[in-house]
């Protein structure tokens, strides 16, 4: 005699078929790209940085790959590349975050007032890199250069309403009581979330997945690839994200770029999900991202279209390098 499956039972079976009996094991990766420039840079150095950035974007953004990522921007880059950033910021897969004045800055050297002024200006510049009438940019994240920050930095982040801080490393640089945390966590007595960059063991030492740090440690491009793929293999069966800090000056050129490409292909074969930093926070703390109304309703759309080009086009060209890449 055949048994009848009741509707509720059928629904449960469908859900199990779609999601499995346990949490998805697809690894989650968050890429943070830092376009790096020396102080008092030349036009040639700016062009080189832009070319390196486009090279990295072309690894992760072309259709059908089109993975999400976060750009952490110092003021020097934001001011030099406002048109470029307006083009990038229109794409739904990129999140623009802020840093300080330049790639060599030590944030903690300044007073609270100095840090606040720097971060306020950084936020103002990035949020202005928009196509009025078409999109809005809301800065939610901050990453200090060289992971350098202090309590004055934290207070400034609170006062600016910044959602998350990328200046932490799992098990190396962490808020009290969070040595073992690998997911974003709320920093005690503050309003923001810490998003720790992932760490791995190398030669008996814990090191962050930060390409500038790794190269400074003498780690070769092939070892860089091994560390990235080894970490991905490690987290594949765990409830643990992989947060990677990348700079255009290292992963945007030469052998490191080639190994970065290899890693992205490897991650794709593993079924990895790539998310922006704010999405990683939202995964851990649902509802943390508040929607904000557009303040650009009165902007002249036609004037901005003329200034920035047609934002409905997926492919855009950075005129400085004459290279094409995908933004959405």
C-alpha atoms as a PDB file:
ATOM      1  CA  UNK A   1       0.000   0.000   0.000  1.00  0.00           C
ATOM      2  CA  UNK A   2       1.401   3.377  -1.049  1.00  0.00           C
ATOM      3  CA  UNK A   3       1.732   6.030   1.619  1.00  0.00           C
ATOM      4  CA  UNK A   4       0.649   9.611   1.003  1.00  0.00           C
ATOM      5  CA  UNK A   5       3.251  12.382   1.473  1.00  0.00           C
ATOM      6  CA  UNK A   6       1.588  15.310   3.192  1.00  0.00           C
ATOM      7  CA  UNK A   7       2.314  18.831   1.848  1.00  0.00           C
ATOM      8  CA  UNK A   8       4.473  19.772   4.849  1.00  0.00           C
ATOM      9  CA  UNK A   9       6.585  16.656   4.344  1.00  0.00           C
ATOM     10  CA  UNK A  10       7.001  17.414   0.648  1.00  0.00           C
ATOM     11  CA  UNK A  11       8.087  20.961   1.489  1.00  0.00           C
ATOM     12  CA  UNK A  12      10.691  19.720   3.975  1.00  0.00           C
ATOM     13  CA  UNK A  13      12.084  17.272   1.426  1.00  0.00           C
ATOM     14  CA  UNK A  14      12.335  20.032  -1.179  1.00  0.00           C
ATOM     15  CA  UNK A  15      14.213  22.293   1.226  1.00  0.00           C
ATOM     16  CA  UNK A  16      16.610  19.472   2.127  1.00  0.00           C
ATOM     17  CA  UNK A  17      17.211  18.780  -1.548  1.00  0.00           C
ATOM     18  CA  UNK A  18      18.032  22.416  -2.229  1.00  0.00           C
ATOM     19  CA  UNK A  19      20.058  23.254   0.852  1.00  0.00           C
ATOM     20  CA  UNK A  20      21.225  19.917   2.231  1.00  0.00           C
ATOM     21  CA  UNK A  21      20.727  18.721   5.768  1.00  0.00           C
ATOM     22  CA  UNK A  22      23.363  21.080   7.150  1.00  0.00           C
ATOM     23  CA  UNK A  23      24.753  24.524   6.444  1.00  0.00           C
ATOM     24  CA  UNK A  24      26.221  25.051   2.972  1.00  0.00           C
ATOM     25  CA  UNK A  25      29.918  24.175   2.827  1.00  0.00           C
ATOM     26  CA  UNK A  26      30.702  26.504  -0.090  1.00  0.00           C
ATOM     27  CA  UNK A  27      33.687  28.547   1.108  1.00  0.00           C
ATOM     28  CA  UNK A  28      33.154  32.302   1.490  1.00  0.00           C
ATOM     29  CA  UNK A  29      35.917  34.659   0.316  1.00  0.00           C
ATOM     30  CA  UNK A  30      36.171  38.408   0.853  1.00  0.00           C
ATOM     31  CA  UNK A  31      38.789  40.236  -1.235  1.00  0.00           C
ATOM     32  CA  UNK A  32      40.036  43.659  -0.133  1.00  0.00           C
ATOM     33  CA  UNK A  33      42.058  45.473  -2.792  1.00  0.00           C
ATOM     34  CA  UNK A  34      44.272  48.393  -1.790  1.00  0.00           C
ATOM     35  CA  UNK A  35      45.408  50.562  -4.739  1.00  0.00           C
ATOM     36  CA  UNK A  36      48.847  51.671  -3.527  1.00  0.00           C
ATOM     37  CA  UNK A  37      50.738  54.830  -4.488  1.00  0.00           C
ATOM     38  CA  UNK A  38      53.983  56.303  -3.130  1.00  0.00           C
ATOM     39  CA  UNK A  39      53.923  59.783  -1.645  1.00  0.00           C
ATOM     40  CA  UNK A  40      54.457  62.585  -4.193  1.00  0.00           C
ATOM     41  CA  UNK A  41      53.710  60.151  -7.007  1.00  0.00           C
ATOM     42  CA  UNK A  42      54.270  60.947 -10.672  1.00  0.00           C
ATOM     43  CA  UNK A  43      51.798  60.576 -13.536  1.00  0.00           C
ATOM     44  CA  UNK A  44      53.688  57.470 -14.645  1.00  0.00           C
ATOM     45  CA  UNK A  45      53.288  55.926 -11.192  1.00  0.00           C
ATOM     46  CA  UNK A  46      49.574  56.746 -11.228  1.00  0.00           C
ATOM     47  CA  UNK A  47      49.232  55.112 -14.630  1.00  0.00           C
ATOM     48  CA  UNK A  48      51.104  52.048 -13.365  1.00  0.00           C
ATOM     49  CA  UNK A  49      48.842  51.756 -10.315  1.00  0.00           C
ATOM     50  CA  UNK A  50      45.726  52.062 -12.486  1.00  0.00           C
ATOM     51  CA  UNK A  51      47.063  49.434 -14.891  1.00  0.00           C
ATOM     52  CA  UNK A  52      47.745  47.058 -11.975  1.00  0.00           C
ATOM     53  CA  UNK A  53      44.254  47.663 -10.587  1.00  0.00           C
ATOM     54  CA  UNK A  54      42.643  46.953 -13.959  1.00  0.00           C
ATOM     55  CA  UNK A  55      44.691  43.751 -14.216  1.00  0.00           C
ATOM     56  CA  UNK A  56      43.300  42.564 -10.868  1.00  0.00           C
ATOM     57  CA  UNK A  57      39.742  43.570 -11.738  1.00  0.00           C
ATOM     58  CA  UNK A  58      40.030  41.658 -15.005  1.00  0.00           C
ATOM     59  CA  UNK A  59      40.823  38.526 -12.999  1.00  0.00           C
ATOM     60  CA  UNK A  60      37.769  38.705 -10.728  1.00  0.00           C
ATOM     61  CA  UNK A  61      35.145  40.796 -12.533  1.00  0.00           C
ATOM     62  CA  UNK A  62      34.631  39.622 -16.141  1.00  0.00           C
ATOM     63  CA  UNK A  63      31.398  37.851 -17.056  1.00  0.00           C
ATOM     64  CA  UNK A  64      30.329  35.235 -16.138  1.00  0.00           C
ATOM     65  CA  UNK A  65      32.684  35.289 -13.119  1.00  0.00           C
ATOM     66  CA  UNK A  66      31.874  38.813 -11.906  1.00  0.00           C
ATOM     67  CA  UNK A  67      32.814  38.277  -8.266  1.00  0.00           C
ATOM     68  CA  UNK A  68      32.274  40.913  -5.584  1.00  0.00           C
ATOM     69  CA  UNK A  69      35.181  42.718  -3.925  1.00  0.00           C
ATOM     70  CA  UNK A  70      36.030  45.750  -1.743  1.00  0.00           C
ATOM     71  CA  UNK A  71      38.322  48.626  -2.717  1.00  0.00           C
ATOM     72  CA  UNK A  72      40.063  50.339   0.200  1.00  0.00           C
ATOM     73  CA  UNK A  73      40.989  53.869  -0.915  1.00  0.00           C
ATOM     74  CA  UNK A  74      43.508  56.352   0.429  1.00  0.00           C
ATOM     75  CA  UNK A  75      42.887  60.027  -0.318  1.00  0.00           C
ATOM     76  CA  UNK A  76      45.736  60.217  -2.840  1.00  0.00           C
ATOM     77  CA  UNK A  77      44.044  57.565  -4.979  1.00  0.00           C
ATOM     78  CA  UNK A  78      40.533  58.945  -4.479  1.00  0.00           C
ATOM     79  CA  UNK A  79      41.539  62.454  -5.570  1.00  0.00           C
ATOM     80  CA  UNK A  80      43.662  61.305  -8.519  1.00  0.00           C
ATOM     81  CA  UNK A  81      41.107  58.825  -9.859  1.00  0.00           C
ATOM     82  CA  UNK A  82      37.690  60.385  -9.229  1.00  0.00           C
ATOM     83  CA  UNK A  83      36.331  59.671 -12.725  1.00  0.00           C
ATOM     84  CA  UNK A  84      37.713  56.140 -12.656  1.00  0.00           C
ATOM     85  CA  UNK A  85      36.159  55.524  -9.235  1.00  0.00           C
ATOM     86  CA  UNK A  86      32.819  56.933 -10.378  1.00  0.00           C
ATOM     87  CA  UNK A  87      32.849  54.350 -13.154  1.00  0.00           C
ATOM     88  CA  UNK A  88      33.844  51.559 -10.787  1.00  0.00           C
ATOM     89  CA  UNK A  89      31.368  52.632  -8.099  1.00  0.00           C
ATOM     90  CA  UNK A  90      28.477  52.236 -10.497  1.00  0.00           C
ATOM     91  CA  UNK A  91      29.069  48.492 -10.665  1.00  0.00           C
ATOM     92  CA  UNK A  92      27.030  46.438  -8.188  1.00  0.00           C
ATOM     93  CA  UNK A  93      29.941  44.091  -7.419  1.00  0.00           C
ATOM     94  CA  UNK A  94      32.351  46.623  -5.917  1.00  0.00           C
ATOM     95  CA  UNK A  95      32.238  48.300  -2.518  1.00  0.00           C
ATOM     96  CA  UNK A  96      34.294  51.446  -1.888  1.00  0.00           C
ATOM     97  CA  UNK A  97      35.829  51.702   1.590  1.00  0.00           C
ATOM     98  CA  UNK A  98      38.223  54.306   2.991  1.00  0.00           C
ATOM     99  CA  UNK A  99      41.702  54.529   4.443  1.00  0.00           C
ATOM    100  CA  UNK A 100      43.837  57.550   5.385  1.00  0.00           C
ATOM    101  CA  UNK A 101      45.793  60.093   3.348  1.00  0.00           C
ATOM    102  CA  UNK A 102      48.383  57.894   1.639  1.00  0.00           C
ATOM    103  CA  UNK A 103      49.747  54.360   1.446  1.00  0.00           C
ATOM    104  CA  UNK A 104      52.560  55.049   3.944  1.00  0.00           C
ATOM    105  CA  UNK A 105      50.424  56.634   6.647  1.00  0.00           C
ATOM    106  CA  UNK A 106      50.610  55.593  10.288  1.00  0.00           C
ATOM    107  CA  UNK A 107      47.174  56.547  11.556  1.00  0.00           C
ATOM    108  CA  UNK A 108      48.005  56.224  15.254  1.00  0.00           C
ATOM    109  CA  UNK A 109      50.604  59.006  15.023  1.00  0.00           C
ATOM    110  CA  UNK A 110      47.825  61.598  14.835  1.00  0.00           C
ATOM    111  CA  UNK A 111      45.590  62.943  17.590  1.00  0.00           C
ATOM    112  CA  UNK A 112      41.884  62.169  17.672  1.00  0.00           C
ATOM    113  CA  UNK A 113      41.167  65.518  16.012  1.00  0.00           C
ATOM    114  CA  UNK A 114      43.702  64.844  13.243  1.00  0.00           C
ATOM    115  CA  UNK A 115      42.450  61.326  12.627  1.00  0.00           C
ATOM    116  CA  UNK A 116      38.847  62.476  12.607  1.00  0.00           C
ATOM    117  CA  UNK A 117      39.624  65.200  10.061  1.00  0.00           C
ATOM    118  CA  UNK A 118      41.487  62.707   7.849  1.00  0.00           C
ATOM    119  CA  UNK A 119      38.755  60.078   7.903  1.00  0.00           C
ATOM    120  CA  UNK A 120      35.996  62.628   7.457  1.00  0.00           C
ATOM    121  CA  UNK A 121      37.761  63.969   4.366  1.00  0.00           C
ATOM    122  CA  UNK A 122      38.380  60.440   3.024  1.00  0.00           C
ATOM    123  CA  UNK A 123      34.692  59.620   3.408  1.00  0.00           C
ATOM    124  CA  UNK A 124      33.632  62.882   1.762  1.00  0.00           C
ATOM    125  CA  UNK A 125      35.851  62.312  -1.288  1.00  0.00           C
ATOM    126  CA  UNK A 126      34.747  58.694  -1.868  1.00  0.00           C
ATOM    127  CA  UNK A 127      31.045  59.397  -1.414  1.00  0.00           C
ATOM    128  CA  UNK A 128      31.329  62.192  -3.982  1.00  0.00           C
ATOM    129  CA  UNK A 129      32.586  59.720  -6.616  1.00  0.00           C
ATOM    130  CA  UNK A 130      29.080  58.969  -7.883  1.00  0.00           C
ATOM    131  CA  UNK A 131      26.940  59.507 -10.939  1.00  0.00           C
ATOM    132  CA  UNK A 132      24.234  61.795  -9.606  1.00  0.00           C
ATOM    133  CA  UNK A 133      20.740  60.760 -10.495  1.00  0.00           C
ATOM    134  CA  UNK A 134      21.970  57.215 -11.082  1.00  0.00           C
ATOM    135  CA  UNK A 135      23.624  55.892  -7.935  1.00  0.00           C
ATOM    136  CA  UNK A 136      24.702  56.696  -4.393  1.00  0.00           C
ATOM    137  CA  UNK A 137      27.878  55.623  -2.624  1.00  0.00           C
ATOM    138  CA  UNK A 138      27.732  54.987   1.118  1.00  0.00           C
ATOM    139  CA  UNK A 139      31.054  54.418   2.854  1.00  0.00           C
ATOM    140  CA  UNK A 140      30.628  51.692   5.459  1.00  0.00           C
ATOM    141  CA  UNK A 141      34.174  50.390   5.859  1.00  0.00           C
ATOM    142  CA  UNK A 142      37.664  51.462   6.873  1.00  0.00           C
ATOM    143  CA  UNK A 143      41.072  49.812   6.573  1.00  0.00           C
ATOM    144  CA  UNK A 144      44.151  51.406   8.174  1.00  0.00           C
ATOM    145  CA  UNK A 145      47.432  51.231   6.281  1.00  0.00           C
ATOM    146  CA  UNK A 146      49.797  48.627   7.784  1.00  0.00           C
ATOM    147  CA  UNK A 147      46.982  47.744  10.250  1.00  0.00           C
ATOM    148  CA  UNK A 148      48.029  50.784  12.304  1.00  0.00           C
ATOM    149  CA  UNK A 149      45.289  52.303  14.493  1.00  0.00           C
ATOM    150  CA  UNK A 150      44.432  53.056  18.128  1.00  0.00           C
ATOM    151  CA  UNK A 151      41.560  54.042  20.421  1.00  0.00           C
ATOM    152  CA  UNK A 152      41.406  57.500  18.846  1.00  0.00           C
ATOM    153  CA  UNK A 153      40.830  55.788  15.505  1.00  0.00           C
ATOM    154  CA  UNK A 154      38.014  53.743  17.023  1.00  0.00           C
ATOM    155  CA  UNK A 155      36.348  56.850  18.433  1.00  0.00           C
ATOM    156  CA  UNK A 156      36.565  58.574  15.054  1.00  0.00           C
ATOM    157  CA  UNK A 157      34.996  55.541  13.357  1.00  0.00           C
ATOM    158  CA  UNK A 158      32.120  55.628  15.844  1.00  0.00           C
ATOM    159  CA  UNK A 159      31.617  59.354  15.337  1.00  0.00           C
ATOM    160  CA  UNK A 160      31.554  58.910  11.551  1.00  0.00           C
ATOM    161  CA  UNK A 161      29.097  56.013  11.707  1.00  0.00           C
ATOM    162  CA  UNK A 162      31.476  53.533  10.046  1.00  0.00           C
ATOM    163  CA  UNK A 163      30.065  49.995  10.071  1.00  0.00           C
ATOM    164  CA  UNK A 164      33.260  47.925  10.075  1.00  0.00           C
ATOM    165  CA  UNK A 165      37.038  48.095  10.524  1.00  0.00           C
ATOM    166  CA  UNK A 166      39.397  45.851   8.515  1.00  0.00           C
ATOM    167  CA  UNK A 167      42.436  46.620  10.676  1.00  0.00           C
ATOM    168  CA  UNK A 168      42.448  43.264  12.484  1.00  0.00           C
ATOM    169  CA  UNK A 169      44.088  39.877  11.921  1.00  0.00           C
ATOM    170  CA  UNK A 170      42.635  36.607  13.211  1.00  0.00           C
ATOM    171  CA  UNK A 171      44.639  35.488  16.236  1.00  0.00           C
ATOM    172  CA  UNK A 172      47.297  38.216  15.793  1.00  0.00           C
ATOM    173  CA  UNK A 173      45.662  41.648  16.023  1.00  0.00           C
ATOM    174  CA  UNK A 174      42.317  41.428  17.783  1.00  0.00           C
ATOM    175  CA  UNK A 175      40.047  43.142  20.300  1.00  0.00           C
ATOM    176  CA  UNK A 176      40.167  41.775  23.875  1.00  0.00           C
ATOM    177  CA  UNK A 177      38.344  38.459  24.150  1.00  0.00           C
ATOM    178  CA  UNK A 178      38.321  37.799  20.400  1.00  0.00           C
ATOM    179  CA  UNK A 179      41.597  35.964  19.806  1.00  0.00           C
ATOM    180  CA  UNK A 180      39.806  33.000  18.247  1.00  0.00           C
ATOM    181  CA  UNK A 181      37.274  34.915  16.137  1.00  0.00           C
ATOM    182  CA  UNK A 182      37.496  34.560  12.367  1.00  0.00           C
ATOM    183  CA  UNK A 183      34.091  36.051  11.507  1.00  0.00           C
ATOM    184  CA  UNK A 184      33.242  39.735  12.028  1.00  0.00           C
ATOM    185  CA  UNK A 185      32.522  40.643  15.649  1.00  0.00           C
ATOM    186  CA  UNK A 186      31.317  43.704  17.543  1.00  0.00           C
ATOM    187  CA  UNK A 187      34.127  45.594  19.268  1.00  0.00           C
ATOM    188  CA  UNK A 188      33.255  46.144  22.912  1.00  0.00           C
ATOM    189  CA  UNK A 189      32.366  49.726  23.894  1.00  0.00           C
ATOM    190  CA  UNK A 190      32.226  50.745  20.240  1.00  0.00           C
ATOM    191  CA  UNK A 191      29.623  50.832  17.492  1.00  0.00           C
ATOM    192  CA  UNK A 192      31.566  49.154  14.689  1.00  0.00           C
ATOM    193  CA  UNK A 193      32.415  45.560  13.798  1.00  0.00           C
ATOM    194  CA  UNK A 194      35.930  44.174  13.451  1.00  0.00           C
ATOM    195  CA  UNK A 195      36.505  42.170  10.269  1.00  0.00           C
ATOM    196  CA  UNK A 196      39.684  40.120  10.793  1.00  0.00           C
ATOM    197  CA  UNK A 197      41.942  39.339   7.851  1.00  0.00           C
ATOM    198  CA  UNK A 198      42.575  35.594   7.719  1.00  0.00           C
ATOM    199  CA  UNK A 199      45.853  34.127   8.966  1.00  0.00           C
ATOM    200  CA  UNK A 200      47.901  31.013   8.169  1.00  0.00           C
ATOM    201  CA  UNK A 201      50.903  29.264   9.638  1.00  0.00           C
ATOM    202  CA  UNK A 202      54.191  29.679   7.779  1.00  0.00           C
ATOM    203  CA  UNK A 203      57.503  28.350   9.113  1.00  0.00           C
ATOM    204  CA  UNK A 204      56.010  27.980  12.585  1.00  0.00           C
ATOM    205  CA  UNK A 205      54.640  31.540  12.666  1.00  0.00           C
ATOM    206  CA  UNK A 206      51.116  32.871  12.187  1.00  0.00           C
ATOM    207  CA  UNK A 207      51.038  35.378   9.314  1.00  0.00           C
ATOM    208  CA  UNK A 208      48.157  37.382   7.817  1.00  0.00           C
ATOM    209  CA  UNK A 209      46.935  36.851   4.265  1.00  0.00           C
ATOM    210  CA  UNK A 210      48.207  40.295   3.329  1.00  0.00           C
ATOM    211  CA  UNK A 211      50.349  40.253   0.190  1.00  0.00           C
ATOM    212  CA  UNK A 212      52.584  43.180   1.194  1.00  0.00           C
ATOM    213  CA  UNK A 213      53.377  41.543   4.528  1.00  0.00           C
ATOM    214  CA  UNK A 214      54.006  38.185   2.863  1.00  0.00           C
ATOM    215  CA  UNK A 215      56.365  39.615   0.254  1.00  0.00           C
ATOM    216  CA  UNK A 216      58.221  41.571   2.950  1.00  0.00           C
ATOM    217  CA  UNK A 217      58.698  38.212   4.726  1.00  0.00           C
ATOM    218  CA  UNK A 218      60.439  36.890   1.610  1.00  0.00           C
ATOM    219  CA  UNK A 219      57.564  34.663   0.541  1.00  0.00           C
ATOM    220  CA  UNK A 220      57.765  33.912  -3.190  1.00  0.00           C
ATOM    221  CA  UNK A 221      54.864  34.078  -5.623  1.00  0.00           C
ATOM    222  CA  UNK A 222      54.553  30.280  -5.730  1.00  0.00           C
ATOM    223  CA  UNK A 223      54.553  30.115  -1.920  1.00  0.00           C
ATOM    224  CA  UNK A 224      51.908  32.856  -1.950  1.00  0.00           C
ATOM    225  CA  UNK A 225      49.704  30.625  -4.112  1.00  0.00           C
ATOM    226  CA  UNK A 226      50.317  27.651  -1.816  1.00  0.00           C
ATOM    227  CA  UNK A 227      49.308  29.695   1.252  1.00  0.00           C
ATOM    228  CA  UNK A 228      46.115  30.908  -0.416  1.00  0.00           C
ATOM    229  CA  UNK A 229      45.035  27.504  -1.691  1.00  0.00           C
ATOM    230  CA  UNK A 230      46.069  25.831   1.562  1.00  0.00           C
ATOM    231  CA  UNK A 231      43.874  28.210   3.549  1.00  0.00           C
ATOM    232  CA  UNK A 232      40.970  27.653   1.181  1.00  0.00           C
ATOM    233  CA  UNK A 233      41.316  23.889   1.599  1.00  0.00           C
ATOM    234  CA  UNK A 234      41.449  24.352   5.374  1.00  0.00           C
ATOM    235  CA  UNK A 235      38.186  26.312   5.575  1.00  0.00           C
ATOM    236  CA  UNK A 236      36.269  24.298   2.975  1.00  0.00           C
ATOM    237  CA  UNK A 237      34.732  22.055   5.644  1.00  0.00           C
ATOM    238  CA  UNK A 238      34.501  24.740   8.325  1.00  0.00           C
ATOM    239  CA  UNK A 239      32.198  27.609   9.175  1.00  0.00           C
ATOM    240  CA  UNK A 240      34.987  30.104   8.501  1.00  0.00           C
ATOM    241  CA  UNK A 241      35.371  32.850   5.882  1.00  0.00           C
ATOM    242  CA  UNK A 242      38.584  33.686   4.047  1.00  0.00           C
ATOM    243  CA  UNK A 243      39.446  37.397   4.140  1.00  0.00           C
ATOM    244  CA  UNK A 244      42.397  38.438   1.950  1.00  0.00           C
ATOM    245  CA  UNK A 245      44.143  41.822   1.830  1.00  0.00           C
ATOM    246  CA  UNK A 246      45.648  42.559  -1.590  1.00  0.00           C
ATOM    247  CA  UNK A 247      47.630  45.495  -2.948  1.00  0.00           C
ATOM    248  CA  UNK A 248      47.974  46.569  -6.562  1.00  0.00           C
ATOM    249  CA  UNK A 249      51.724  46.970  -6.084  1.00  0.00           C
ATOM    250  CA  UNK A 250      52.137  43.238  -5.310  1.00  0.00           C
ATOM    251  CA  UNK A 251      49.225  41.173  -6.650  1.00  0.00           C
ATOM    252  CA  UNK A 252      48.639  43.473  -9.612  1.00  0.00           C
ATOM    253  CA  UNK A 253      51.739  42.575 -11.588  1.00  0.00           C
ATOM    254  CA  UNK A 254      54.265  39.930 -12.535  1.00  0.00           C
ATOM    255  CA  UNK A 255      54.455  36.516 -10.936  1.00  0.00           C
ATOM    256  CA  UNK A 256      52.186  37.470  -8.023  1.00  0.00           C
ATOM    257  CA  UNK A 257      49.422  38.438 -10.473  1.00  0.00           C
ATOM    258  CA  UNK A 258      49.810  35.113 -12.269  1.00  0.00           C
ATOM    259  CA  UNK A 259      49.542  33.217  -8.970  1.00  0.00           C
ATOM    260  CA  UNK A 260      46.549  35.346  -7.964  1.00  0.00           C
ATOM    261  CA  UNK A 261      44.861  34.305 -11.225  1.00  0.00           C
ATOM    262  CA  UNK A 262      45.639  30.670 -10.467  1.00  0.00           C
ATOM    263  CA  UNK A 263      44.135  31.025  -7.006  1.00  0.00           C
ATOM    264  CA  UNK A 264      40.916  32.585  -8.347  1.00  0.00           C
ATOM    265  CA  UNK A 265      40.569  29.706 -10.819  1.00  0.00           C
ATOM    266  CA  UNK A 266      41.176  27.244  -7.976  1.00  0.00           C
ATOM    267  CA  UNK A 267      38.578  28.965  -5.785  1.00  0.00           C
ATOM    268  CA  UNK A 268      36.065  28.926  -8.622  1.00  0.00           C
ATOM    269  CA  UNK A 269      36.583  25.186  -9.057  1.00  0.00           C
ATOM    270  CA  UNK A 270      35.905  24.826  -5.311  1.00  0.00           C
ATOM    271  CA  UNK A 271      32.581  26.641  -5.682  1.00  0.00           C
ATOM    272  CA  UNK A 272      33.671  29.583  -3.539  1.00  0.00           C
ATOM    273  CA  UNK A 273      31.305  32.496  -2.965  1.00  0.00           C
ATOM    274  CA  UNK A 274      32.924  35.946  -3.181  1.00  0.00           C
ATOM    275  CA  UNK A 275      31.372  38.701  -1.067  1.00  0.00           C
ATOM    276  CA  UNK A 276      32.034  42.353  -0.281  1.00  0.00           C
ATOM    277  CA  UNK A 277      33.172  43.195   3.231  1.00  0.00           C
ATOM    278  CA  UNK A 278      29.826  44.722   4.182  1.00  0.00           C
ATOM    279  CA  UNK A 279      28.103  41.548   2.984  1.00  0.00           C
ATOM    280  CA  UNK A 280      30.375  39.486   5.223  1.00  0.00           C
ATOM    281  CA  UNK A 281      29.274  41.593   8.198  1.00  0.00           C
ATOM    282  CA  UNK A 282      25.646  41.200   7.133  1.00  0.00           C
ATOM    283  CA  UNK A 283      26.059  37.413   6.936  1.00  0.00           C
ATOM    284  CA  UNK A 284      27.124  37.326  10.591  1.00  0.00           C
ATOM    285  CA  UNK A 285      24.866  40.138  11.818  1.00  0.00           C
ATOM    286  CA  UNK A 286      21.704  40.265   9.676  1.00  0.00           C
ATOM    287  CA  UNK A 287      20.164  43.724   9.522  1.00  0.00           C
ATOM    288  CA  UNK A 288      23.428  45.540  10.250  1.00  0.00           C
ATOM    289  CA  UNK A 289      23.369  47.431   6.947  1.00  0.00           C
ATOM    290  CA  UNK A 290      20.795  50.200   7.037  1.00  0.00           C
ATOM    291  CA  UNK A 291      19.300  51.441   3.807  1.00  0.00           C
ATOM    292  CA  UNK A 292      19.804  55.162   3.236  1.00  0.00           C
ATOM    293  CA  UNK A 293      17.626  57.352   1.021  1.00  0.00           C
ATOM    294  CA  UNK A 294      19.215  58.922  -2.013  1.00  0.00           C
ATOM    295  CA  UNK A 295      20.166  62.568  -1.544  1.00  0.00           C
ATOM    296  CA  UNK A 296      20.794  63.109  -5.244  1.00  0.00           C
ATOM    297  CA  UNK A 297      17.248  63.561  -6.578  1.00  0.00           C
ATOM    298  CA  UNK A 298      17.844  67.114  -7.788  1.00  0.00           C
ATOM    299  CA  UNK A 299      21.085  66.361  -9.649  1.00  0.00           C
ATOM    300  CA  UNK A 300      21.242  67.046 -13.372  1.00  0.00           C
ATOM    301  CA  UNK A 301      21.294  63.558 -14.853  1.00  0.00           C
ATOM    302  CA  UNK A 302      22.141  64.744 -18.364  1.00  0.00           C
ATOM    303  CA  UNK A 303      25.144  66.730 -17.142  1.00  0.00           C
ATOM    304  CA  UNK A 304      26.494  63.749 -15.226  1.00  0.00           C
ATOM    305  CA  UNK A 305      25.936  61.420 -18.168  1.00  0.00           C
ATOM    306  CA  UNK A 306      28.039  63.794 -20.259  1.00  0.00           C
ATOM    307  CA  UNK A 307      30.765  63.935 -17.604  1.00  0.00           C
ATOM    308  CA  UNK A 308      30.973  60.228 -16.802  1.00  0.00           C
ATOM    309  CA  UNK A 309      29.608  58.500 -19.892  1.00  0.00           C
ATOM    310  CA  UNK A 310      26.636  56.147 -20.183  1.00  0.00           C
ATOM    311  CA  UNK A 311      26.447  54.121 -16.921  1.00  0.00           C
ATOM    312  CA  UNK A 312      24.181  51.532 -18.526  1.00  0.00           C
ATOM    313  CA  UNK A 313      27.158  50.097 -20.400  1.00  0.00           C
ATOM    314  CA  UNK A 314      28.822  47.162 -18.672  1.00  0.00           C
ATOM    315  CA  UNK A 315      32.147  47.598 -20.424  1.00  0.00           C
ATOM    316  CA  UNK A 316      34.016  50.830 -19.773  1.00  0.00           C
ATOM    317  CA  UNK A 317      37.475  51.984 -20.716  1.00  0.00           C
ATOM    318  CA  UNK A 318      39.960  53.687 -18.464  1.00  0.00           C
ATOM    319  CA  UNK A 319      41.229  56.326 -20.877  1.00  0.00           C
ATOM    320  CA  UNK A 320      44.529  56.615 -19.034  1.00  0.00           C
ATOM    321  CA  UNK A 321      45.555  53.068 -19.939  1.00  0.00           C
ATOM    322  CA  UNK A 322      43.149  52.308 -22.797  1.00  0.00           C
ATOM    323  CA  UNK A 323      42.215  49.030 -21.121  1.00  0.00           C
ATOM    324  CA  UNK A 324      38.728  47.587 -20.922  1.00  0.00           C
ATOM    325  CA  UNK A 325      37.214  45.911 -17.862  1.00  0.00           C
ATOM    326  CA  UNK A 326      33.816  44.953 -16.460  1.00  0.00           C
ATOM    327  CA  UNK A 327      32.040  46.844 -13.671  1.00  0.00           C
ATOM    328  CA  UNK A 328      28.711  45.086 -13.400  1.00  0.00           C
END
